[in-house]
Amino acid sequence: MVYDDMDYEVEADVFANQQKYVKTLSSYEIFQVNVEAGNDEQTTIKSLVESYGLTVAAGKQQGSICAVSSLEYIYEKYEYRVLDRTLRLCIGTWEGELNSLASGMLKGIAKLIDVYGDSLNDDIFKEKLGSVSAKEISRTAKERKSGTMGYAEAMVTVYNRKMKAGLKWGKLYNSNDGGAGGNKNDGSVSEETESETGGEIKSETA
């Protein structure tokens, strides 16, 4: 289909929407077309990621995030402030380490921010979680539960270590009714209960 007298941004926008139904494009390709079209969501996400010295990329590489769908998911579900804090915590904790910028890690952190709000202390998070590699968090998450909840559980376990009054497990499991931000979860929550101690994750400094 050919359009006459259409400026570039409008043409890119039309193309991005058409391709959803005509040709299978990667999340990154659709994201880039939306950026070129000047769409607010994607341009905002791109600017935010770049403000932390990172780029949005098609593949896994140092200094970039390729979990494009997850960035859009967090932005759409929890809004800008949660995505901003997610990136700030992630980068401040693991200093841009490749595995820390994966989809499950980002969505797990975003869920904790949404559920616990200001009860989640950024300094404690960076200190406690920074003692454990992102790879170890991911391994433990997959052993515990599939999806975002597995990552959230793994991170709460480390965060609560050696704390008398840590983050409440019950609040995490009741988050299907809305967390601190009043948002619904992504359906990954099971109805089972969890002990206050959770599972064990080895510290890099142990």
Protein backbone atom coordinates (compact mmCIF):
# COMPACT_ATOMS: atom_id res chain seq x y z
CA MET A 1 0.00 0.00 0.00
CA VAL A 2 1.38 3.40 -1.01
CA TYR A 3 0.49 6.68 0.68
CA ASP A 4 1.04 10.05 -0.97
CA ASP A 5 1.73 13.33 0.84
CA MET A 6 2.42 11.63 4.17
CA ASP A 7 5.23 12.92 6.37
CA TYR A 8 7.88 10.53 7.64
CA GLU A 9 6.66 10.21 11.24
CA VAL A 10 3.09 9.41 10.20
CA GLU A 11 4.33 6.96 7.59
CA ALA A 12 6.50 5.18 10.18
CA ASP A 13 3.54 5.01 12.57
CA VAL A 14 1.28 3.51 9.92
CA PHE A 15 4.01 1.05 8.95
CA ALA A 16 4.53 -0.10 12.55
CA ASN A 17 0.84 -0.80 13.02
CA GLN A 18 0.46 -2.52 9.64
CA GLN A 19 3.40 -4.82 10.27
CA LYS A 20 1.76 -6.24 13.38
CA TYR A 21 -0.70 -7.94 11.06
CA VAL A 22 1.32 -8.40 7.86
CA LYS A 23 4.79 -9.51 8.90
CA THR A 24 6.30 -10.85 12.08
CA LEU A 25 8.77 -8.27 13.36
CA SER A 26 10.88 -8.53 16.47
CA SER A 27 9.95 -6.48 19.53
CA TYR A 28 13.05 -4.40 18.92
CA GLU A 29 12.11 -3.66 15.30
CA ILE A 30 8.61 -2.57 16.28
CA PHE A 31 10.08 -0.49 19.11
CA GLN A 32 12.48 1.27 16.74
CA VAL A 33 9.77 2.04 14.21
CA ASN A 34 7.65 3.53 16.98
CA VAL A 35 10.61 5.65 18.08
CA GLU A 36 11.05 6.93 14.53
CA ALA A 37 7.32 7.65 14.42
CA GLY A 38 7.76 9.80 17.54
CA ASN A 39 5.36 7.75 19.68
CA ASP A 40 5.48 8.96 23.28
CA GLU A 41 5.82 5.60 25.03
CA GLN A 42 8.79 4.33 23.06
CA THR A 43 10.61 7.67 22.88
CA THR A 44 10.18 8.11 26.64
CA ILE A 45 11.52 4.61 27.35
CA LYS A 46 14.47 5.14 25.01
CA SER A 47 15.37 8.45 26.67
CA LEU A 48 15.07 6.95 30.14
CA VAL A 49 17.29 3.98 29.30
CA GLU A 50 19.88 6.28 27.71
CA SER A 51 19.84 8.55 30.77
CA TYR A 52 21.42 5.62 32.65
CA GLY A 53 24.16 5.26 30.06
CA LEU A 54 22.54 2.26 28.37
CA THR A 55 20.96 1.62 25.00
CA VAL A 56 18.01 -0.43 23.79
CA ALA A 57 19.40 -3.17 21.54
CA ALA A 58 18.26 -6.06 19.39
CA GLY A 59 20.52 -8.59 21.10
CA LYS A 60 22.28 -9.24 24.38
CA GLN A 61 25.39 -7.08 24.65
CA GLN A 62 27.22 -5.12 27.31
CA GLY A 63 25.74 -1.73 28.09
CA SER A 64 22.36 -2.46 26.54
CA ILE A 65 18.92 -3.83 27.30
CA CYS A 66 17.38 -6.20 24.78
CA ALA A 67 14.30 -7.02 26.91
CA VAL A 68 12.26 -4.50 24.94
CA SER A 69 8.86 -6.07 25.65
CA SER A 70 9.62 -6.03 29.37
CA LEU A 71 10.49 -2.34 29.32
CA GLU A 72 7.17 -1.62 27.59
CA TYR A 73 5.32 -3.95 29.97
CA ILE A 74 6.67 -2.19 33.06
CA TYR A 75 5.98 1.25 31.60
CA GLU A 76 2.41 0.35 30.64
CA LYS A 77 1.55 -1.59 33.83
CA TYR A 78 3.32 0.46 36.50
CA GLU A 79 4.06 3.74 34.69
CA TYR A 80 7.20 5.83 34.36
CA ARG A 81 8.22 6.21 38.00
CA VAL A 82 8.39 2.44 38.57
CA LEU A 83 10.39 1.85 35.40
CA ASP A 84 12.76 4.64 36.41
CA ARG A 85 13.27 3.21 39.90
CA THR A 86 13.61 -0.31 38.47
CA LEU A 87 16.48 0.77 36.24
CA ARG A 88 18.06 2.80 39.04
CA LEU A 89 18.00 -0.15 41.45
CA CYS A 90 19.16 -2.64 38.85
CA ILE A 91 22.11 -0.56 37.67
CA GLY A 92 23.01 0.62 41.17
CA THR A 93 23.05 -2.97 42.44
CA TRP A 94 24.77 -4.90 39.65
CA GLU A 95 26.46 -2.02 37.79
CA GLY A 96 25.05 -2.96 34.39
CA GLU A 97 26.11 -6.61 34.55
CA LEU A 98 24.61 -8.35 31.52
CA ASN A 99 22.40 -10.88 33.34
CA SER A 100 20.94 -8.19 35.59
CA LEU A 101 19.26 -6.49 32.63
CA ALA A 102 17.30 -9.57 31.59
CA SER A 103 13.51 -9.62 31.43
CA GLY A 104 12.86 -11.60 34.63
CA MET A 105 15.18 -9.42 36.69
CA LEU A 106 13.60 -6.18 35.50
CA LYS A 107 10.03 -7.40 35.97
CA GLY A 108 10.87 -8.92 39.36
CA ILE A 109 12.28 -5.62 40.64
CA ALA A 110 9.32 -3.70 39.23
CA LYS A 111 6.94 -6.01 41.05
CA LEU A 112 8.73 -5.47 44.36
CA ILE A 113 8.57 -1.71 43.88
CA ASP A 114 4.86 -1.88 43.10
CA VAL A 115 4.05 -4.19 46.02
CA TYR A 116 6.22 -2.68 48.74
CA GLY A 117 6.57 0.95 47.67
CA ASP A 118 8.64 2.98 50.13
CA SER A 119 8.96 -0.04 52.45
CA LEU A 120 11.53 -1.31 49.97
CA ASN A 121 14.67 0.56 50.97
CA ASP A 122 16.89 1.27 47.98
CA ASP A 123 20.14 1.30 49.96
CA ILE A 124 19.38 -2.00 51.68
CA PHE A 125 18.36 -3.53 48.36
CA LYS A 126 21.64 -2.52 46.73
CA GLU A 127 23.70 -3.70 49.69
CA LYS A 128 21.98 -7.06 50.14
CA LEU A 129 21.30 -7.96 46.52
CA GLY A 130 24.67 -6.64 45.41
CA SER A 131 26.32 -9.45 47.40
CA VAL A 132 24.66 -12.00 45.09
CA SER A 133 25.23 -12.27 41.36
CA ALA A 134 22.33 -11.68 38.98
CA LYS A 135 23.04 -15.12 37.53
CA GLU A 136 22.52 -16.71 40.95
CA ILE A 137 19.28 -14.78 41.44
CA SER A 138 18.04 -16.05 38.07
CA ARG A 139 18.99 -19.65 38.87
CA THR A 140 17.19 -19.56 42.22
CA ALA A 141 14.16 -17.82 40.71
CA LYS A 142 13.69 -20.60 38.17
CA GLU A 143 13.93 -23.22 40.90
CA ARG A 144 11.30 -21.50 43.03
CA LYS A 145 8.54 -20.51 40.62
CA SER A 146 8.14 -19.65 36.96
CA GLY A 147 7.79 -16.08 35.77
CA THR A 148 8.03 -12.79 37.60
CA MET A 149 7.02 -14.20 40.98
CA GLY A 150 10.02 -16.51 41.05
CA TYR A 151 12.38 -13.55 40.67
CA ALA A 152 10.46 -11.50 43.23
CA GLU A 153 10.66 -14.36 45.76
CA ALA A 154 14.38 -14.85 45.17
CA MET A 155 15.08 -11.16 45.72
CA VAL A 156 12.92 -10.89 48.84
CA THR A 157 14.76 -13.89 50.30
CA VAL A 158 18.11 -12.13 49.95
CA TYR A 159 16.74 -8.73 51.03
CA ASN A 160 15.30 -10.20 54.26
CA ARG A 161 18.44 -12.09 55.23
CA LYS A 162 19.52 -11.31 58.83
CA MET A 163 16.69 -8.77 59.24
CA LYS A 164 14.24 -8.95 62.15
CA ALA A 165 11.59 -6.99 60.29
CA GLY A 166 12.00 -7.45 56.57
CA LEU A 167 9.55 -7.32 53.70
CA LYS A 168 6.35 -9.23 54.46
CA TRP A 169 5.82 -12.33 52.35
CA GLY A 170 2.06 -12.10 52.74
CA LYS A 171 2.00 -8.74 50.99
CA LEU A 172 3.79 -10.24 48.01
CA TYR A 173 1.34 -13.13 47.70
CA ASN A 174 -1.67 -10.87 48.14
CA SER A 175 -0.44 -8.57 45.38
CA ASN A 176 -3.03 -9.96 42.98
CA ASP A 177 -5.36 -7.55 44.76
CA GLY A 178 -2.99 -4.66 43.99
CA GLY A 179 0.33 -3.70 45.54
CA ALA A 180 1.57 -0.38 46.82
CA GLY A 181 0.76 1.16 43.48
CA GLY A 182 -2.69 -0.46 43.34
CA ASN A 183 -1.89 -2.43 40.18
CA LYS A 184 -2.88 -5.94 39.27
CA ASN A 185 -0.12 -8.50 38.85
CA ASP A 186 0.74 -10.41 35.70
CA GLY A 187 -0.95 -13.65 36.68
CA SER A 188 2.19 -15.41 37.87
CA VAL A 189 1.17 -15.48 41.55
CA SER A 190 0.25 -18.84 43.02
CA GLU A 191 -2.08 -19.26 45.97
CA GLU A 192 0.51 -21.08 48.09
CA THR A 193 1.94 -19.49 51.23
CA GLU A 194 5.61 -19.01 51.97
CA SER A 195 7.62 -19.19 55.17
CA GLU A 196 9.34 -16.04 56.38
CA THR A 197 12.75 -17.60 55.78
CA GLY A 198 12.26 -18.56 52.13
CA GLY A 199 14.94 -20.45 50.22
CA GLU A 200 18.69 -20.11 50.44
CA ILE A 201 20.79 -18.13 48.00
CA LYS A 202 24.53 -18.11 48.39
CA SER A 203 26.28 -14.78 48.75
CA GLU A 204 29.27 -14.04 46.58
CA THR A 205 31.08 -12.84 49.68
CA ALA A 206 30.12 -15.86 51.81
